[in-house]
Amino acid sequence: MKFLRQQLVGSWYRSDVDQQGCVHTEYAQVLDDGSYEFSFSVHDQQGEIVQQSLELGDWGLVGDIHFTIAKAEYIDNEMYASDLADPDNYHAYKVLELNEQIFKYQHIVSEEVFILRRVIDKIAHC
């Protein structure tokens, strides 16, 4: 199946609860220029942030393959450049579904499936 690159541009969100009851959230900003900004956070059962990071990099979509290249990460407001020789900074995914509301994809290696929902910027017609 072939998906259009423009379909992926925008803001996306997902939230999952792990076995310990911690909430993992991801906010993805996918830009038309091929760059991305992913914000990850983990909240404990009391709602306190226990981990937070921001990842910057490049992305692409070819047919049904989505890929990311991590180039930098912010942890505790400090930037760390990614080691571009480290294969863990490169990821490829098979796109399972992509439309106006849902982006569902599967990691090529781990086979883990992720489902993100589009963030609507304008709710009213004001």
Protein backbone atom coordinates (compact mmCIF):
# COMPACT_ATOMS: atom_id res chain seq x y z
CA MET A 1 0.00 0.00 0.00
CA LYS A 2 1.21 3.50 -0.78
CA PHE A 3 0.71 6.47 1.53
CA LEU A 4 1.28 10.13 0.74
CA ARG A 5 4.02 11.92 2.64
CA GLN A 6 1.79 14.97 3.23
CA GLN A 7 -0.65 12.77 5.20
CA LEU A 8 1.92 12.45 7.99
CA VAL A 9 2.68 16.17 8.38
CA GLY A 10 1.13 17.64 11.52
CA SER A 11 0.79 16.93 15.23
CA TRP A 12 0.17 13.46 16.67
CA TYR A 13 -0.40 12.08 20.17
CA ARG A 14 -0.51 8.76 21.99
CA SER A 15 -0.84 7.70 25.60
CA ASP A 16 -0.44 4.22 27.12
CA VAL A 17 -0.48 2.82 30.65
CA ASP A 18 2.20 0.26 31.56
CA GLN A 19 1.89 -2.70 33.95
CA GLN A 20 2.98 -0.53 36.90
CA GLY A 21 0.23 2.00 36.22
CA CYS A 22 2.58 4.67 34.82
CA VAL A 23 1.28 6.73 31.92
CA HIS A 24 3.59 7.04 28.90
CA THR A 25 2.77 9.86 26.49
CA GLU A 26 4.25 10.90 23.18
CA TYR A 27 3.57 14.13 21.34
CA ALA A 28 4.94 14.12 17.79
CA GLN A 29 5.37 17.22 15.65
CA VAL A 30 6.08 16.08 12.07
CA LEU A 31 7.11 18.97 9.83
CA ASP A 32 6.90 19.33 6.06
CA ASP A 33 10.65 20.07 5.80
CA GLY A 34 11.48 16.49 6.88
CA SER A 35 12.27 17.30 10.51
CA TYR A 36 10.48 16.10 13.62
CA GLU A 37 10.22 16.83 17.31
CA PHE A 38 9.05 14.00 19.60
CA SER A 39 8.27 14.71 23.24
CA PHE A 40 8.13 11.71 25.59
CA SER A 41 7.02 11.73 29.21
CA VAL A 42 6.23 9.20 31.91
CA HIS A 43 3.90 10.02 34.82
CA ASP A 44 3.61 7.86 37.92
CA GLN A 45 0.28 6.78 39.42
CA GLN A 46 0.05 10.08 41.31
CA GLY A 47 0.48 12.07 38.10
CA GLU A 48 4.03 13.22 38.86
CA ILE A 49 6.49 13.37 35.95
CA VAL A 50 9.18 10.74 36.50
CA GLN A 51 10.85 10.98 33.09
CA GLN A 52 10.75 13.48 30.26
CA SER A 53 12.75 13.86 27.05
CA LEU A 54 12.60 15.63 23.72
CA GLU A 55 14.02 14.10 20.55
CA LEU A 56 14.81 16.00 17.34
CA GLY A 57 15.60 14.46 13.99
CA ASP A 58 14.64 13.77 10.40
CA TRP A 59 11.86 11.61 9.03
CA GLY A 60 10.63 10.25 5.73
CA LEU A 61 7.85 8.21 4.18
CA VAL A 62 8.37 6.08 1.08
CA GLY A 63 5.43 3.93 0.02
CA ASP A 64 4.45 2.19 3.24
CA ILE A 65 7.80 2.61 5.01
CA HIS A 66 8.22 5.40 7.58
CA PHE A 67 11.70 6.08 8.94
CA THR A 68 13.28 8.33 11.56
CA ILE A 69 16.84 9.47 12.23
CA ALA A 70 17.41 10.83 15.75
CA LYS A 71 19.88 13.74 15.70
CA ALA A 72 19.59 15.28 19.19
CA GLU A 73 17.89 14.78 22.52
CA TYR A 74 17.03 17.13 25.36
CA ILE A 75 17.04 15.63 28.85
CA ASP A 76 16.48 17.94 31.84
CA ASN A 77 16.80 20.97 29.51
CA GLU A 78 20.27 19.89 28.36
CA MET A 79 20.89 19.02 24.70
CA TYR A 80 22.84 15.94 23.69
CA ALA A 81 23.83 15.36 20.06
CA SER A 82 23.01 11.87 18.83
CA ASP A 83 25.82 9.56 17.78
CA LEU A 84 25.00 9.12 14.10
CA ALA A 85 27.21 6.02 13.99
CA ASP A 86 24.90 4.33 16.54
CA PRO A 87 22.36 2.12 14.73
CA ASP A 88 19.86 2.66 17.59
CA ASN A 89 19.30 6.20 16.27
CA TYR A 90 17.79 4.87 13.02
CA HIS A 91 14.33 3.31 12.93
CA ALA A 92 12.11 1.97 10.16
CA TYR A 93 8.41 1.17 10.42
CA LYS A 94 5.76 -0.39 8.22
CA VAL A 95 2.73 1.91 8.00
CA LEU A 96 -0.41 -0.10 8.72
CA GLU A 97 -2.92 2.76 8.61
CA LEU A 98 -2.64 6.48 7.90
CA ASN A 99 -5.58 8.82 7.52
CA GLU A 100 -6.87 12.14 8.86
CA GLN A 101 -7.20 10.81 12.43
CA ILE A 102 -4.98 7.70 12.87
CA PHE A 103 -1.33 6.85 12.25
CA LYS A 104 -0.73 3.16 12.99
CA TYR A 105 2.69 1.69 12.32
CA GLN A 106 4.87 -1.29 13.22
CA HIS A 107 8.60 -1.28 13.99
CA ILE A 108 10.40 -3.39 11.35
CA VAL A 109 12.74 -5.06 13.88
CA SER A 110 10.86 -5.25 17.21
CA GLU A 111 7.42 -5.63 15.54
CA GLU A 112 5.95 -3.34 18.24
CA VAL A 113 2.82 -1.53 17.00
CA PHE A 114 2.17 2.14 17.77
CA ILE A 115 -1.07 4.07 17.28
CA LEU A 116 -1.00 7.86 17.24
CA ARG A 117 -4.01 10.15 16.90
CA ARG A 118 -3.93 13.48 15.11
CA VAL A 119 -4.04 16.56 17.31
CA ILE A 120 -6.64 19.00 16.05
CA ASP A 121 -5.26 22.53 16.13
CA LYS A 122 -8.50 24.40 15.41
CA ILE A 123 -11.61 23.15 17.16
CA ALA A 124 -14.00 26.02 16.41
CA HIS A 125 -14.62 28.07 13.30
CA CYS A 126 -13.89 31.40 15.06
